[in-house]
Amino acid sequence: MKIVNVEVQIAEKQLSVALTALAKESDAIRAMQGCLAYQTLADTQNSLTLMIVQRWQSAEDFGAYRNSPEFANLIQSLKPILTAPPVTFVATQDS
């Protein structure tokens, strides 16, 4: 299993834009082959920090997501409102 957590810093007053973009794509992402979980969490101490928590059956499934139109749409929507590059944490868990 591929575990991927992405921390993003959002520009002030852009939280609703980020959440809307993530919500727009999340159902399609969850329906993708191998997607075991896909959630967006907000930092309770800093409302401008979001964590995208993902679990994928395999590295290949995660790779297909990274090459999908849904991923491209998220990048296009989020990139202009980020205040720092995303920080990605990746782990692999054996079944």
PDB file of N, CA and C in Angstrom:
ATOM      1  N   MET A   1       0.843  -1.169   0.000  1.00  0.00           N
ATOM      2  CA  MET A   1       0.000   0.000   0.000  1.00  0.00           C
ATOM      3  C   MET A   1       0.893   1.239   0.000  1.00  0.00           C
ATOM      4  N   LYS A   2       0.487   2.240  -0.750  1.00  0.00           N
ATOM      5  CA  LYS A   2       1.198   3.514  -0.831  1.00  0.00           C
ATOM      6  C   LYS A   2       0.423   4.520   0.022  1.00  0.00           C
ATOM      7  N   ILE A   3       1.099   5.125   0.975  1.00  0.00           N
ATOM      8  CA  ILE A   3       0.507   6.125   1.858  1.00  0.00           C
ATOM      9  C   ILE A   3       1.136   7.464   1.501  1.00  0.00           C
ATOM     10  N   VAL A   4       0.304   8.435   1.152  1.00  0.00           N
ATOM     11  CA  VAL A   4       0.805   9.727   0.708  1.00  0.00           C
ATOM     12  C   VAL A   4       0.048  10.822   1.459  1.00  0.00           C
ATOM     13  N   ASN A   5       0.786  11.676   2.135  1.00  0.00           N
ATOM     14  CA  ASN A   5       0.215  12.839   2.793  1.00  0.00           C
ATOM     15  C   ASN A   5       0.881  14.078   2.205  1.00  0.00           C
ATOM     16  N   VAL A   6       0.062  15.021   1.781  1.00  0.00           N
ATOM     17  CA  VAL A   6       0.573  16.249   1.180  1.00  0.00           C
ATOM     18  C   VAL A   6       0.099  17.427   2.013  1.00  0.00           C
ATOM     19  N   GLU A   7       1.054  18.182   2.546  1.00  0.00           N
ATOM     20  CA  GLU A   7       0.734  19.377   3.333  1.00  0.00           C
ATOM     21  C   GLU A   7       0.854  20.596   2.425  1.00  0.00           C
ATOM     22  N   VAL A   8      -0.206  21.401   2.383  1.00  0.00           N
ATOM     23  CA  VAL A   8      -0.186  22.607   1.561  1.00  0.00           C
ATOM     24  C   VAL A   8      -0.503  23.821   2.426  1.00  0.00           C
ATOM     25  N   GLN A   9       0.180  24.907   2.124  1.00  0.00           N
ATOM     26  CA  GLN A   9      -0.038  26.186   2.791  1.00  0.00           C
ATOM     27  C   GLN A   9      -0.826  27.070   1.818  1.00  0.00           C
ATOM     28  N   ILE A  10      -1.963  27.546   2.259  1.00  0.00           N
ATOM     29  CA  ILE A  10      -2.872  28.312   1.414  1.00  0.00           C
ATOM     30  C   ILE A  10      -2.773  29.794   1.747  1.00  0.00           C
ATOM     31  N   ALA A  11      -2.848  30.614   0.721  1.00  0.00           N
ATOM     32  CA  ALA A  11      -2.832  32.061   0.923  1.00  0.00           C
ATOM     33  C   ALA A  11      -4.020  32.490   1.788  1.00  0.00           C
ATOM     34  N   GLU A  12      -3.802  33.523   2.569  1.00  0.00           N
ATOM     35  CA  GLU A  12      -4.856  34.050   3.430  1.00  0.00           C
ATOM     36  C   GLU A  12      -6.099  34.372   2.612  1.00  0.00           C
ATOM     37  N   LYS A  13      -7.236  34.047   3.157  1.00  0.00           N
ATOM     38  CA  LYS A  13      -8.553  34.286   2.547  1.00  0.00           C
ATOM     39  C   LYS A  13      -8.805  33.412   1.316  1.00  0.00           C
ATOM     40  N   GLN A  14      -7.994  32.381   1.090  1.00  0.00           N
ATOM     41  CA  GLN A  14      -8.181  31.492  -0.056  1.00  0.00           C
ATOM     42  C   GLN A  14      -8.588  30.077   0.354  1.00  0.00           C
ATOM     43  N   LEU A  15      -8.885  29.881   1.632  1.00  0.00           N
ATOM     44  CA  LEU A  15      -9.234  28.547   2.117  1.00  0.00           C
ATOM     45  C   LEU A  15     -10.456  27.997   1.384  1.00  0.00           C
ATOM     46  N   SER A  16     -11.480  28.810   1.197  1.00  0.00           N
ATOM     47  CA  SER A  16     -12.687  28.311   0.527  1.00  0.00           C
ATOM     48  C   SER A  16     -12.401  27.923  -0.920  1.00  0.00           C
ATOM     49  N   VAL A  17     -11.506  28.643  -1.592  1.00  0.00           N
ATOM     50  CA  VAL A  17     -11.122  28.300  -2.965  1.00  0.00           C
ATOM     51  C   VAL A  17     -10.450  26.929  -2.973  1.00  0.00           C
ATOM     52  N   ALA A  18      -9.548  26.707  -2.036  1.00  0.00           N
ATOM     53  CA  ALA A  18      -8.836  25.427  -1.962  1.00  0.00           C
ATOM     54  C   ALA A  18      -9.789  24.280  -1.655  1.00  0.00           C
ATOM     55  N   LEU A  19     -10.661  24.477  -0.686  1.00  0.00           N
ATOM     56  CA  LEU A  19     -11.594  23.414  -0.312  1.00  0.00           C
ATOM     57  C   LEU A  19     -12.571  23.103  -1.440  1.00  0.00           C
ATOM     58  N   THR A  20     -12.996  24.126  -2.165  1.00  0.00           N
ATOM     59  CA  THR A  20     -13.887  23.914  -3.308  1.00  0.00           C
ATOM     60  C   THR A  20     -13.194  23.099  -4.390  1.00  0.00           C
ATOM     61  N   ALA A  21     -11.946  23.433  -4.697  1.00  0.00           N
ATOM     62  CA  ALA A  21     -11.190  22.693  -5.716  1.00  0.00           C
ATOM     63  C   ALA A  21     -11.007  21.241  -5.309  1.00  0.00           C
ATOM     64  N   LEU A  22     -10.673  21.014  -4.051  1.00  0.00           N
ATOM     65  CA  LEU A  22     -10.483  19.647  -3.576  1.00  0.00           C
ATOM     66  C   LEU A  22     -11.795  18.863  -3.583  1.00  0.00           C
ATOM     67  N   ALA A  23     -12.876  19.495  -3.162  1.00  0.00           N
ATOM     68  CA  ALA A  23     -14.174  18.820  -3.154  1.00  0.00           C
ATOM     69  C   ALA A  23     -14.629  18.476  -4.564  1.00  0.00           C
ATOM     70  N   LYS A  24     -14.345  19.358  -5.505  1.00  0.00           N
ATOM     71  CA  LYS A  24     -14.765  19.152  -6.893  1.00  0.00           C
ATOM     72  C   LYS A  24     -14.156  17.885  -7.475  1.00  0.00           C
ATOM     73  N   GLU A  25     -12.934  17.568  -7.140  1.00  0.00           N
ATOM     74  CA  GLU A  25     -12.230  16.426  -7.719  1.00  0.00           C
ATOM     75  C   GLU A  25     -12.257  15.179  -6.840  1.00  0.00           C
ATOM     76  N   SER A  26     -12.583  15.317  -5.558  1.00  0.00           N
ATOM     77  CA  SER A  26     -12.388  14.206  -4.624  1.00  0.00           C
ATOM     78  C   SER A  26     -13.247  12.975  -4.927  1.00  0.00           C
ATOM     79  N   ASP A  27     -14.489  13.142  -5.346  1.00  0.00           N
ATOM     80  CA  ASP A  27     -15.317  11.966  -5.639  1.00  0.00           C
ATOM     81  C   ASP A  27     -14.729  11.157  -6.789  1.00  0.00           C
ATOM     82  N   ALA A  28     -14.290  11.846  -7.837  1.00  0.00           N
ATOM     83  CA  ALA A  28     -13.687  11.144  -8.977  1.00  0.00           C
ATOM     84  C   ALA A  28     -12.390  10.463  -8.567  1.00  0.00           C
ATOM     85  N   ILE A  29     -11.621  11.110  -7.711  1.00  0.00           N
ATOM     86  CA  ILE A  29     -10.360  10.513  -7.247  1.00  0.00           C
ATOM     87  C   ILE A  29     -10.647   9.274  -6.409  1.00  0.00           C
ATOM     88  N   ARG A  30     -11.617   9.372  -5.495  1.00  0.00           N
ATOM     89  CA  ARG A  30     -11.965   8.212  -4.654  1.00  0.00           C
ATOM     90  C   ARG A  30     -12.458   7.025  -5.494  1.00  0.00           C
ATOM     91  N   ALA A  31     -13.026   7.304  -6.656  1.00  0.00           N
ATOM     92  CA  ALA A  31     -13.540   6.242  -7.530  1.00  0.00           C
ATOM     93  C   ALA A  31     -12.443   5.605  -8.388  1.00  0.00           C
ATOM     94  N   MET A  32     -11.254   6.169  -8.374  1.00  0.00           N
ATOM     95  CA  MET A  32     -10.165   5.632  -9.187  1.00  0.00           C
ATOM     96  C   MET A  32      -9.731   4.265  -8.684  1.00  0.00           C
ATOM     97  N   GLN A  33      -9.272   3.461  -9.624  1.00  0.00           N
ATOM     98  CA  GLN A  33      -8.766   2.139  -9.278  1.00  0.00           C
ATOM     99  C   GLN A  33      -7.649   2.261  -8.247  1.00  0.00           C
ATOM    100  N   GLY A  34      -7.772   1.510  -7.174  1.00  0.00           N
ATOM    101  CA  GLY A  34      -6.724   1.448  -6.170  1.00  0.00           C
ATOM    102  C   GLY A  34      -6.772   2.516  -5.101  1.00  0.00           C
ATOM    103  N   CYS A  35      -7.705   3.457  -5.192  1.00  0.00           N
ATOM    104  CA  CYS A  35      -7.805   4.490  -4.146  1.00  0.00           C
ATOM    105  C   CYS A  35      -8.524   3.895  -2.941  1.00  0.00           C
ATOM    106  N   LEU A  36      -7.822   3.819  -1.831  1.00  0.00           N
ATOM    107  CA  LEU A  36      -8.383   3.281  -0.598  1.00  0.00           C
ATOM    108  C   LEU A  36      -8.891   4.392   0.318  1.00  0.00           C
ATOM    109  N   ALA A  37      -8.318   5.584   0.193  1.00  0.00           N
ATOM    110  CA  ALA A  37      -8.753   6.731   1.008  1.00  0.00           C
ATOM    111  C   ALA A  37      -8.226   8.008   0.376  1.00  0.00           C
ATOM    112  N   TYR A  38      -9.039   9.057   0.476  1.00  0.00           N
ATOM    113  CA  TYR A  38      -8.631  10.374  -0.013  1.00  0.00           C
ATOM    114  C   TYR A  38      -9.409  11.401   0.796  1.00  0.00           C
ATOM    115  N   GLN A  39      -8.726  12.108   1.678  1.00  0.00           N
ATOM    116  CA  GLN A  39      -9.372  13.070   2.572  1.00  0.00           C
ATOM    117  C   GLN A  39      -8.570  14.357   2.639  1.00  0.00           C
ATOM    118  N   THR A  40      -9.267  15.433   2.914  1.00  0.00           N
ATOM    119  CA  THR A  40      -8.619  16.711   3.169  1.00  0.00           C
ATOM    120  C   THR A  40      -8.872  17.074   4.626  1.00  0.00           C
ATOM    121  N   LEU A  41      -7.805  17.380   5.338  1.00  0.00           N
ATOM    122  CA  LEU A  41      -7.895  17.761   6.742  1.00  0.00           C
ATOM    123  C   LEU A  41      -7.348  19.170   6.914  1.00  0.00           C
ATOM    124  N   ALA A  42      -7.987  19.936   7.785  1.00  0.00           N
ATOM    125  CA  ALA A  42      -7.511  21.289   8.083  1.00  0.00           C
ATOM    126  C   ALA A  42      -6.803  21.282   9.426  1.00  0.00           C
ATOM    127  N   ASP A  43      -5.730  22.015   9.525  1.00  0.00           N
ATOM    128  CA  ASP A  43      -4.997  22.186  10.772  1.00  0.00           C
ATOM    129  C   ASP A  43      -5.828  23.067  11.701  1.00  0.00           C
ATOM    130  N   THR A  44      -6.158  22.583  12.856  1.00  0.00           N
ATOM    131  CA  THR A  44      -6.998  23.353  13.772  1.00  0.00           C
ATOM    132  C   THR A  44      -6.271  24.549  14.371  1.00  0.00           C
ATOM    133  N   GLN A  45      -4.944  24.521  14.363  1.00  0.00           N
ATOM    134  CA  GLN A  45      -4.159  25.632  14.893  1.00  0.00           C
ATOM    135  C   GLN A  45      -3.861  26.688  13.838  1.00  0.00           C
ATOM    136  N   ASN A  46      -3.901  26.284  12.563  1.00  0.00           N
ATOM    137  CA  ASN A  46      -3.555  27.193  11.478  1.00  0.00           C
ATOM    138  C   ASN A  46      -4.471  26.882  10.297  1.00  0.00           C
ATOM    139  N   SER A  47      -5.517  27.666  10.139  1.00  0.00           N
ATOM    140  CA  SER A  47      -6.524  27.378   9.119  1.00  0.00           C
ATOM    141  C   SER A  47      -5.991  27.513   7.696  1.00  0.00           C
ATOM    142  N   LEU A  48      -4.754  27.955   7.545  1.00  0.00           N
ATOM    143  CA  LEU A  48      -4.177  28.091   6.218  1.00  0.00           C
ATOM    144  C   LEU A  48      -3.325  26.880   5.822  1.00  0.00           C
ATOM    145  N   THR A  49      -3.350  25.850   6.653  1.00  0.00           N
ATOM    146  CA  THR A  49      -2.629  24.619   6.360  1.00  0.00           C
ATOM    147  C   THR A  49      -3.627  23.490   6.157  1.00  0.00           C
ATOM    148  N   LEU A  50      -3.509  22.822   5.024  1.00  0.00           N
ATOM    149  CA  LEU A  50      -4.345  21.661   4.721  1.00  0.00           C
ATOM    150  C   LEU A  50      -3.458  20.445   4.531  1.00  0.00           C
ATOM    151  N   MET A  51      -3.984  19.281   4.895  1.00  0.00           N
ATOM    152  CA  MET A  51      -3.295  18.020   4.670  1.00  0.00           C
ATOM    153  C   MET A  51      -4.201  17.165   3.802  1.00  0.00           C
ATOM    154  N   ILE A  52      -3.670  16.703   2.693  1.00  0.00           N
ATOM    155  CA  ILE A  52      -4.385  15.784   1.816  1.00  0.00           C
ATOM    156  C   ILE A  52      -3.848  14.392   2.135  1.00  0.00           C
ATOM    157  N   VAL A  53      -4.702  13.554   2.695  1.00  0.00           N
ATOM    158  CA  VAL A  53      -4.325  12.228   3.170  1.00  0.00           C
ATOM    159  C   VAL A  53      -4.821  11.200   2.156  1.00  0.00           C
ATOM    160  N   GLN A  54      -3.887  10.394   1.642  1.00  0.00           N
ATOM    161  CA  GLN A  54      -4.221   9.436   0.591  1.00  0.00           C
ATOM    162  C   GLN A  54      -3.672   8.057   0.920  1.00  0.00           C
ATOM    163  N   ARG A  55      -4.431   7.056   0.531  1.00  0.00           N
ATOM    164  CA  ARG A  55      -3.977   5.672   0.627  1.00  0.00           C
ATOM    165  C   ARG A  55      -4.287   5.014  -0.723  1.00  0.00           C
ATOM    166  N   TRP A  56      -3.272   4.402  -1.318  1.00  0.00           N
ATOM    167  CA  TRP A  56      -3.411   3.756  -2.626  1.00  0.00           C
ATOM    168  C   TRP A  56      -2.992   2.303  -2.518  1.00  0.00           C
ATOM    169  N   GLN A  57      -3.691   1.453  -3.227  1.00  0.00           N
ATOM    170  CA  GLN A  57      -3.402   0.013  -3.205  1.00  0.00           C
ATOM    171  C   GLN A  57      -1.972  -0.269  -3.645  1.00  0.00           C
ATOM    172  N   SER A  58      -1.489   0.485  -4.640  1.00  0.00           N
ATOM    173  CA  SER A  58      -0.136   0.225  -5.158  1.00  0.00           C
ATOM    174  C   SER A  58       0.491   1.515  -5.673  1.00  0.00           C
ATOM    175  N   ALA A  59       1.786   1.451  -5.906  1.00  0.00           N
ATOM    176  CA  ALA A  59       2.499   2.586  -6.495  1.00  0.00           C
ATOM    177  C   ALA A  59       1.979   2.863  -7.899  1.00  0.00           C
ATOM    178  N   GLU A  60       1.591   1.823  -8.620  1.00  0.00           N
ATOM    179  CA  GLU A  60       1.060   1.997  -9.970  1.00  0.00           C
ATOM    180  C   GLU A  60      -0.267   2.762  -9.944  1.00  0.00           C
ATOM    181  N   ASP A  61      -1.119   2.441  -8.977  1.00  0.00           N
ATOM    182  CA  ASP A  61      -2.401   3.157  -8.849  1.00  0.00           C
ATOM    183  C   ASP A  61      -2.157   4.628  -8.513  1.00  0.00           C
ATOM    184  N   PHE A  62      -1.211   4.879  -7.624  1.00  0.00           N
ATOM    185  CA  PHE A  62      -0.876   6.263  -7.288  1.00  0.00           C
ATOM    186  C   PHE A  62      -0.313   6.984  -8.510  1.00  0.00           C
ATOM    187  N   GLY A  63       0.519   6.303  -9.280  1.00  0.00           N
ATOM    188  CA  GLY A  63       1.073   6.882 -10.498  1.00  0.00           C
ATOM    189  C   GLY A  63      -0.011   7.234 -11.501  1.00  0.00           C
ATOM    190  N   ALA A  64      -1.013   6.374 -11.626  1.00  0.00           N
ATOM    191  CA  ALA A  64      -2.130   6.659 -12.541  1.00  0.00           C
ATOM    192  C   ALA A  64      -2.883   7.911 -12.081  1.00  0.00           C
ATOM    193  N   TYR A  65      -3.070   8.052 -10.785  1.00  0.00           N
ATOM    194  CA  TYR A  65      -3.690   9.265 -10.243  1.00  0.00           C
ATOM    195  C   TYR A  65      -2.855  10.496 -10.591  1.00  0.00           C
ATOM    196  N   ARG A  66      -1.547  10.399 -10.411  1.00  0.00           N
ATOM    197  CA  ARG A  66      -0.663  11.541 -10.687  1.00  0.00           C
ATOM    198  C   ARG A  66      -0.685  11.949 -12.160  1.00  0.00           C
ATOM    199  N   ASN A  67      -1.069  11.038 -13.028  1.00  0.00           N
ATOM    200  CA  ASN A  67      -1.157  11.326 -14.461  1.00  0.00           C
ATOM    201  C   ASN A  67      -2.588  11.592 -14.926  1.00  0.00           C
ATOM    202  N   SER A  68      -3.505  11.728 -13.984  1.00  0.00           N
ATOM    203  CA  SER A  68      -4.922  11.881 -14.329  1.00  0.00           C
ATOM    204  C   SER A  68      -5.318  13.341 -14.542  1.00  0.00           C
ATOM    205  N   PRO A  69      -6.410  13.567 -15.257  1.00  0.00           N
ATOM    206  CA  PRO A  69      -6.938  14.930 -15.408  1.00  0.00           C
ATOM    207  C   PRO A  69      -7.348  15.539 -14.065  1.00  0.00           C
ATOM    208  N   GLU A  70      -7.817  14.709 -13.136  1.00  0.00           N
ATOM    209  CA  GLU A  70      -8.226  15.212 -11.827  1.00  0.00           C
ATOM    210  C   GLU A  70      -7.037  15.808 -11.072  1.00  0.00           C
ATOM    211  N   PHE A  71      -5.900  15.131 -11.135  1.00  0.00           N
ATOM    212  CA  PHE A  71      -4.697  15.655 -10.493  1.00  0.00           C
ATOM    213  C   PHE A  71      -4.260  16.950 -11.175  1.00  0.00           C
ATOM    214  N   ALA A  72      -4.284  16.974 -12.493  1.00  0.00           N
ATOM    215  CA  ALA A  72      -3.918  18.192 -13.237  1.00  0.00           C
ATOM    216  C   ALA A  72      -4.836  19.350 -12.876  1.00  0.00           C
ATOM    217  N   ASN A  73      -6.127  19.076 -12.725  1.00  0.00           N
ATOM    218  CA  ASN A  73      -7.077  20.120 -12.335  1.00  0.00           C
ATOM    219  C   ASN A  73      -6.770  20.670 -10.940  1.00  0.00           C
ATOM    220  N   LEU A  74      -6.420  19.775 -10.014  1.00  0.00           N
ATOM    221  CA  LEU A  74      -6.072  20.229  -8.662  1.00  0.00           C
ATOM    222  C   LEU A  74      -4.841  21.122  -8.685  1.00  0.00           C
ATOM    223  N   ILE A  75      -3.826  20.707  -9.402  1.00  0.00           N
ATOM    224  CA  ILE A  75      -2.610  21.506  -9.484  1.00  0.00           C
ATOM    225  C   ILE A  75      -2.925  22.884 -10.055  1.00  0.00           C
ATOM    226  N   GLN A  76      -3.705  22.913 -11.115  1.00  0.00           N
ATOM    227  CA  GLN A  76      -4.056  24.177 -11.754  1.00  0.00           C
ATOM    228  C   GLN A  76      -4.838  25.087 -10.802  1.00  0.00           C
ATOM    229  N   SER A  77      -5.711  24.512  -9.992  1.00  0.00           N
ATOM    230  CA  SER A  77      -6.516  25.304  -9.061  1.00  0.00           C
ATOM    231  C   SER A  77      -5.737  25.754  -7.831  1.00  0.00           C
ATOM    232  N   LEU A  78      -4.886  24.873  -7.317  1.00  0.00           N
ATOM    233  CA  LEU A  78      -4.205  25.165  -6.059  1.00  0.00           C
ATOM    234  C   LEU A  78      -2.920  25.973  -6.220  1.00  0.00           C
ATOM    235  N   LYS A  79      -2.190  25.747  -7.285  1.00  0.00           N
ATOM    236  CA  LYS A  79      -0.883  26.391  -7.442  1.00  0.00           C
ATOM    237  C   LYS A  79      -0.910  27.906  -7.243  1.00  0.00           C
ATOM    238  N   PRO A  80      -1.884  28.630  -7.811  1.00  0.00           N
ATOM    239  CA  PRO A  80      -1.875  30.093  -7.642  1.00  0.00           C
ATOM    240  C   PRO A  80      -2.134  30.583  -6.211  1.00  0.00           C
ATOM    241  N   ILE A  81      -2.685  29.720  -5.368  1.00  0.00           N
ATOM    242  CA  ILE A  81      -3.028  30.180  -4.013  1.00  0.00           C
ATOM    243  C   ILE A  81      -2.122  29.585  -2.935  1.00  0.00           C
ATOM    244  N   LEU A  82      -1.110  28.834  -3.336  1.00  0.00           N
ATOM    245  CA  LEU A  82      -0.162  28.284  -2.368  1.00  0.00           C
ATOM    246  C   LEU A  82       0.853  29.352  -1.967  1.00  0.00           C
ATOM    247  N   THR A  83       1.238  29.326  -0.699  1.00  0.00           N
ATOM    248  CA  THR A  83       2.244  30.269  -0.218  1.00  0.00           C
ATOM    249  C   THR A  83       3.619  29.624  -0.079  1.00  0.00           C
ATOM    250  N   ALA A  84       3.670  28.318  -0.299  1.00  0.00           N
ATOM    251  CA  ALA A  84       4.933  27.569  -0.231  1.00  0.00           C
ATOM    252  C   ALA A  84       4.755  26.299  -1.055  1.00  0.00           C
ATOM    253  N   PRO A  85       5.858  25.710  -1.478  1.00  0.00           N
ATOM    254  CA  PRO A  85       5.722  24.432  -2.193  1.00  0.00           C
ATOM    255  C   PRO A  85       5.079  23.379  -1.283  1.00  0.00           C
ATOM    256  N   PRO A  86       4.273  22.490  -1.838  1.00  0.00           N
ATOM    257  CA  PRO A  86       3.696  21.414  -1.021  1.00  0.00           C
ATOM    258  C   PRO A  86       4.797  20.543  -0.431  1.00  0.00           C
ATOM    259  N   VAL A  87       4.530  20.006   0.739  1.00  0.00           N
ATOM    260  CA  VAL A  87       5.446  19.068   1.387  1.00  0.00           C
ATOM    261  C   VAL A  87       4.769  17.703   1.347  1.00  0.00           C
ATOM    262  N   THR A  88       5.436  16.744   0.720  1.00  0.00           N
ATOM    263  CA  THR A  88       4.843  15.431   0.526  1.00  0.00           C
ATOM    264  C   THR A  88       5.569  14.388   1.369  1.00  0.00           C
ATOM    265  N   PHE A  89       4.781  13.579   2.061  1.00  0.00           N
ATOM    266  CA  PHE A  89       5.298  12.475   2.859  1.00  0.00           C
ATOM    267  C   PHE A  89       4.794  11.182   2.217  1.00  0.00           C
ATOM    268  N   VAL A  90       5.700  10.280   1.886  1.00  0.00           N
ATOM    269  CA  VAL A  90       5.321   9.039   1.218  1.00  0.00           C
ATOM    270  C   VAL A  90       5.863   7.861   2.015  1.00  0.00           C
ATOM    271  N   ALA A  91       5.004   6.874   2.188  1.00  0.00           N
ATOM    272  CA  ALA A  91       5.414   5.638   2.868  1.00  0.00           C
ATOM    273  C   ALA A  91       4.791   4.455   2.140  1.00  0.00           C
ATOM    274  N   THR A  92       5.438   3.322   2.267  1.00  0.00           N
ATOM    275  CA  THR A  92       4.902   2.095   1.698  1.00  0.00           C
ATOM    276  C   THR A  92       4.672   1.132   2.838  1.00  0.00           C
ATOM    277  N   GLN A  93       3.504   0.521   2.825  1.00  0.00           N
ATOM    278  CA  GLN A  93       3.170  -0.460   3.855  1.00  0.00           C
ATOM    279  C   GLN A  93       2.901  -1.795   3.177  1.00  0.00           C
ATOM    280  N   ASP A  94       3.587  -2.828   3.630  1.00  0.00           N
ATOM    281  CA  ASP A  94       3.332  -4.163   3.096  1.00  0.00           C
ATOM    282  C   ASP A  94       2.014  -4.672   3.643  1.00  0.00           C
ATOM    283  N   SER A  95       1.274  -5.394   2.818  1.00  0.00           N
ATOM    284  CA  SER A  95      -0.031  -5.922   3.226  1.00  0.00           C
ATOM    285  C   SER A  95       0.091  -6.991   4.263  1.00  0.00           C
TER     286      SER A  95
END
